[in-house]
N, C-alpha and C. Protein backbone atom coordinates (compact mmCIF):
# COMPACT_ATOMS: atom_id res chain seq x y z
N MET A 1 0.86 -1.30 -0.29
CA MET A 1 -0.16 0.10 -0.18
C MET A 1 0.85 1.60 0.12
N THR A 2 0.83 2.28 -0.71
CA THR A 2 1.09 3.29 -1.09
C THR A 2 1.01 4.40 0.20
N THR A 3 1.40 5.24 0.77
CA THR A 3 1.31 6.39 1.86
C THR A 3 1.07 7.45 1.19
N GLN A 4 0.50 8.58 1.67
CA GLN A 4 0.76 9.69 0.83
C GLN A 4 1.75 10.24 0.86
N ARG A 5 2.20 10.12 2.14
CA ARG A 5 3.89 10.83 2.24
C ARG A 5 4.63 10.38 0.86
N THR A 6 4.72 9.18 0.54
CA THR A 6 5.18 8.39 -0.65
C THR A 6 5.13 9.06 -2.05
N LEU A 7 3.65 8.82 -1.84
CA LEU A 7 3.23 9.61 -3.11
C LEU A 7 3.48 11.26 -3.50
N GLN A 8 3.84 11.89 -2.35
CA GLN A 8 4.52 13.75 -2.28
C GLN A 8 6.12 13.48 -2.32
N ARG A 9 6.21 12.62 -2.19
CA ARG A 9 7.86 12.52 -2.33
C ARG A 9 8.10 11.94 -3.47
N GLN A 10 7.46 11.10 -4.16
CA GLN A 10 7.65 10.81 -5.36
C GLN A 10 7.01 12.08 -6.66
N LEU A 11 5.93 12.78 -6.58
CA LEU A 11 6.22 13.88 -6.94
C LEU A 11 7.01 14.96 -7.22
N ALA A 12 7.81 15.04 -5.83
CA ALA A 12 8.30 16.03 -5.80
C ALA A 12 9.87 15.75 -6.12
N GLN A 13 10.19 14.46 -6.61
CA GLN A 13 11.19 13.67 -7.07
C GLN A 13 10.97 14.00 -8.79
N ARG A 14 9.74 13.72 -9.23
CA ARG A 14 9.45 14.25 -10.79
C ARG A 14 9.72 15.84 -10.86
N GLU A 15 9.38 16.65 -9.57
CA GLU A 15 9.74 17.67 -10.93
C GLU A 15 10.77 17.85 -10.45
N ARG A 16 11.99 17.15 -9.46
CA ARG A 16 13.14 17.87 -9.33
C ARG A 16 13.78 17.56 -10.94
N TYR A 17 13.67 15.97 -11.31
CA TYR A 17 14.00 16.13 -12.54
C TYR A 17 13.41 16.60 -13.75
N ILE A 18 12.58 16.93 -13.94
CA ILE A 18 11.76 18.03 -15.20
C ILE A 18 12.52 19.18 -14.62
N SER A 19 12.69 19.86 -13.48
CA SER A 19 12.93 21.33 -13.23
C SER A 19 14.97 21.01 -13.96
N GLN A 20 15.28 19.70 -13.55
CA GLN A 20 17.04 19.62 -13.83
C GLN A 20 16.72 19.75 -15.45
N MET A 21 16.00 18.92 -16.45
CA MET A 21 15.52 18.54 -17.59
C MET A 21 15.48 19.76 -18.07
N LEU A 22 14.63 20.72 -17.52
CA LEU A 22 14.63 22.03 -18.30
C LEU A 22 15.64 23.17 -19.03
N SER A 23 16.21 22.96 -17.66
CA SER A 23 17.17 23.65 -17.35
C SER A 23 18.46 23.45 -18.15
N LEU A 24 18.76 22.01 -18.52
CA LEU A 24 19.67 21.60 -19.46
C LEU A 24 19.00 21.55 -21.24
N LEU A 25 17.64 21.55 -21.11
CA LEU A 25 17.38 21.41 -22.67
C LEU A 25 17.47 23.11 -22.33
N ALA A 26 17.21 24.27 -21.43
CA ALA A 26 17.24 25.61 -22.15
C ALA A 26 18.33 25.95 -22.50
N LYS A 27 19.61 25.40 -22.23
CA LYS A 27 21.15 25.46 -22.84
C LYS A 27 21.01 25.32 -24.70
N GLU A 28 20.43 23.96 -25.17
CA GLU A 28 20.71 23.95 -26.18
C GLU A 28 19.97 22.05 -26.28
N PRO A 29 19.25 21.55 -27.65
CA PRO A 29 18.76 20.50 -27.36
C PRO A 29 19.60 19.53 -27.27
N MET A 30 19.02 18.37 -27.13
CA MET A 30 20.45 17.09 -26.77
C MET A 30 19.43 15.77 -26.96
N TYR A 31 20.66 15.08 -27.56
CA TYR A 31 19.81 13.57 -27.61
C TYR A 31 19.86 12.71 -26.59
N ARG A 32 18.78 12.06 -26.80
CA ARG A 32 18.59 11.76 -25.05
C ARG A 32 19.58 10.47 -24.58
N ALA A 33 20.65 9.89 -25.33
CA ALA A 33 21.69 9.52 -24.68
C ALA A 33 22.43 10.32 -23.76
N ASP A 34 22.49 11.54 -24.49
CA ASP A 34 23.37 12.80 -23.39
C ASP A 34 22.20 13.20 -22.90
N LEU A 35 21.30 12.95 -22.79
CA LEU A 35 20.14 14.30 -21.79
C LEU A 35 20.45 13.20 -20.58
N ALA A 36 20.07 11.65 -20.64
CA ALA A 36 20.03 11.13 -19.83
C ALA A 36 21.39 11.32 -19.19
N SER A 37 22.78 11.15 -19.89
CA SER A 37 23.99 11.22 -19.07
C SER A 37 24.16 11.97 -18.36
N ALA A 38 23.83 13.31 -18.80
CA ALA A 38 24.19 14.79 -17.81
C ALA A 38 22.76 14.86 -16.44
N MET A 39 22.10 13.64 -16.52
CA MET A 39 21.13 13.89 -15.47
C MET A 39 21.49 12.77 -15.05
N SER A 40 22.15 12.06 -15.35
CA SER A 40 23.07 10.80 -14.22
C SER A 40 21.70 10.12 -14.09
N VAL A 41 20.51 9.44 -14.85
CA VAL A 41 19.53 8.78 -14.85
C VAL A 41 19.45 7.50 -16.01
N SER A 42 19.13 6.57 -15.70
CA SER A 42 19.44 5.56 -16.76
C SER A 42 18.45 5.58 -18.24
N TYR A 43 18.41 5.25 -19.00
CA TYR A 43 17.63 5.77 -19.98
C TYR A 43 15.85 5.12 -19.69
N GLY A 44 15.88 3.98 -19.24
CA GLY A 44 14.43 4.03 -18.83
C GLY A 44 13.85 5.21 -17.97
N THR A 45 14.21 5.32 -16.71
CA THR A 45 14.02 6.35 -16.16
C THR A 45 13.50 7.68 -17.05
N LEU A 46 14.97 8.39 -17.86
CA LEU A 46 14.53 9.32 -18.76
C LEU A 46 13.33 9.21 -19.62
N GLN A 47 13.07 8.55 -19.61
CA GLN A 47 11.22 8.16 -20.73
C GLN A 47 10.10 8.28 -19.83
N ALA A 48 10.06 7.64 -18.59
CA ALA A 48 9.45 7.52 -17.31
C ALA A 48 9.15 9.35 -17.25
N ILE A 49 10.47 10.33 -17.04
CA ILE A 49 10.59 11.05 -16.73
C ILE A 49 9.98 12.23 -17.74
N VAL A 50 10.24 12.10 -19.35
CA VAL A 50 9.56 12.66 -20.36
C VAL A 50 8.26 12.21 -20.24
N ARG A 51 7.45 11.19 -20.09
CA ARG A 51 6.11 10.61 -20.39
C ARG A 51 5.54 11.58 -19.69
N TYR A 52 6.18 11.39 -18.34
CA TYR A 52 5.34 12.58 -17.60
C TYR A 52 4.87 13.68 -17.49
N ALA A 53 6.50 14.73 -17.56
CA ALA A 53 6.31 15.51 -18.53
C ALA A 53 5.27 16.37 -19.21
N ARG A 54 5.36 15.29 -21.08
CA ARG A 54 5.08 15.30 -22.14
C ARG A 54 3.45 15.15 -21.74
N VAL A 55 3.11 14.23 -20.98
CA VAL A 55 1.54 14.39 -20.13
C VAL A 55 0.78 16.05 -19.30
N ASN A 56 1.55 16.29 -18.78
CA ASN A 56 1.90 17.40 -17.63
C ASN A 56 1.92 18.83 -19.23
N GLY A 57 2.16 18.44 -19.87
CA GLY A 57 2.23 20.04 -21.41
C GLY A 57 3.70 20.81 -21.02
N TRP A 58 4.64 19.74 -20.41
CA TRP A 58 5.89 20.91 -20.48
C TRP A 58 7.16 20.75 -21.30
N ILE A 59 6.81 19.34 -22.14
CA ILE A 59 8.03 18.81 -22.94
C ILE A 59 7.44 18.49 -24.32
N VAL A 60 8.08 18.56 -25.38
CA VAL A 60 7.46 17.82 -26.41
C VAL A 60 8.86 17.21 -26.68
N SER A 61 8.93 16.34 -27.70
CA SER A 61 10.42 15.72 -28.55
C SER A 61 10.05 15.75 -30.14
N GLN A 62 10.98 16.01 -30.48
CA GLN A 62 11.13 15.91 -32.27
C GLN A 62 12.08 14.77 -32.73
N GLY A 63 11.58 14.02 -33.01
CA GLY A 63 12.47 12.44 -33.14
C GLY A 63 13.87 12.27 -32.13
N LYS A 64 14.83 12.41 -32.14
CA LYS A 64 15.17 11.95 -31.53
C LYS A 64 16.34 13.06 -30.58
N TYR A 65 15.52 14.26 -30.39
CA TYR A 65 15.87 15.22 -29.77
C TYR A 65 14.93 15.58 -28.62
N TYR A 66 15.13 16.31 -27.63
CA TYR A 66 14.22 17.04 -27.15
C TYR A 66 14.54 18.62 -26.91
N ILE A 67 13.33 18.77 -26.46
CA ILE A 67 13.27 20.45 -26.97
C ILE A 67 11.90 20.84 -26.04
N ASN A 68 12.08 22.27 -25.16
CA ASN A 68 11.58 22.60 -24.11
C ASN A 68 10.91 23.20 -24.75
């Protein structure tokens, strides 16, 4: 069973990842692999973060580049 506190921590972590991603992408578009490396996350984690961000309207992707 997931508690409310756990859900809040998970949401806060996603928000931190998205903030980090957007600050990196504000400098220049990046390849997915480069973005994952710069954020020190796995490619799978990056995909989950991008999916969450896209659902919430924060980021779009064009082919192999991510742009904000």
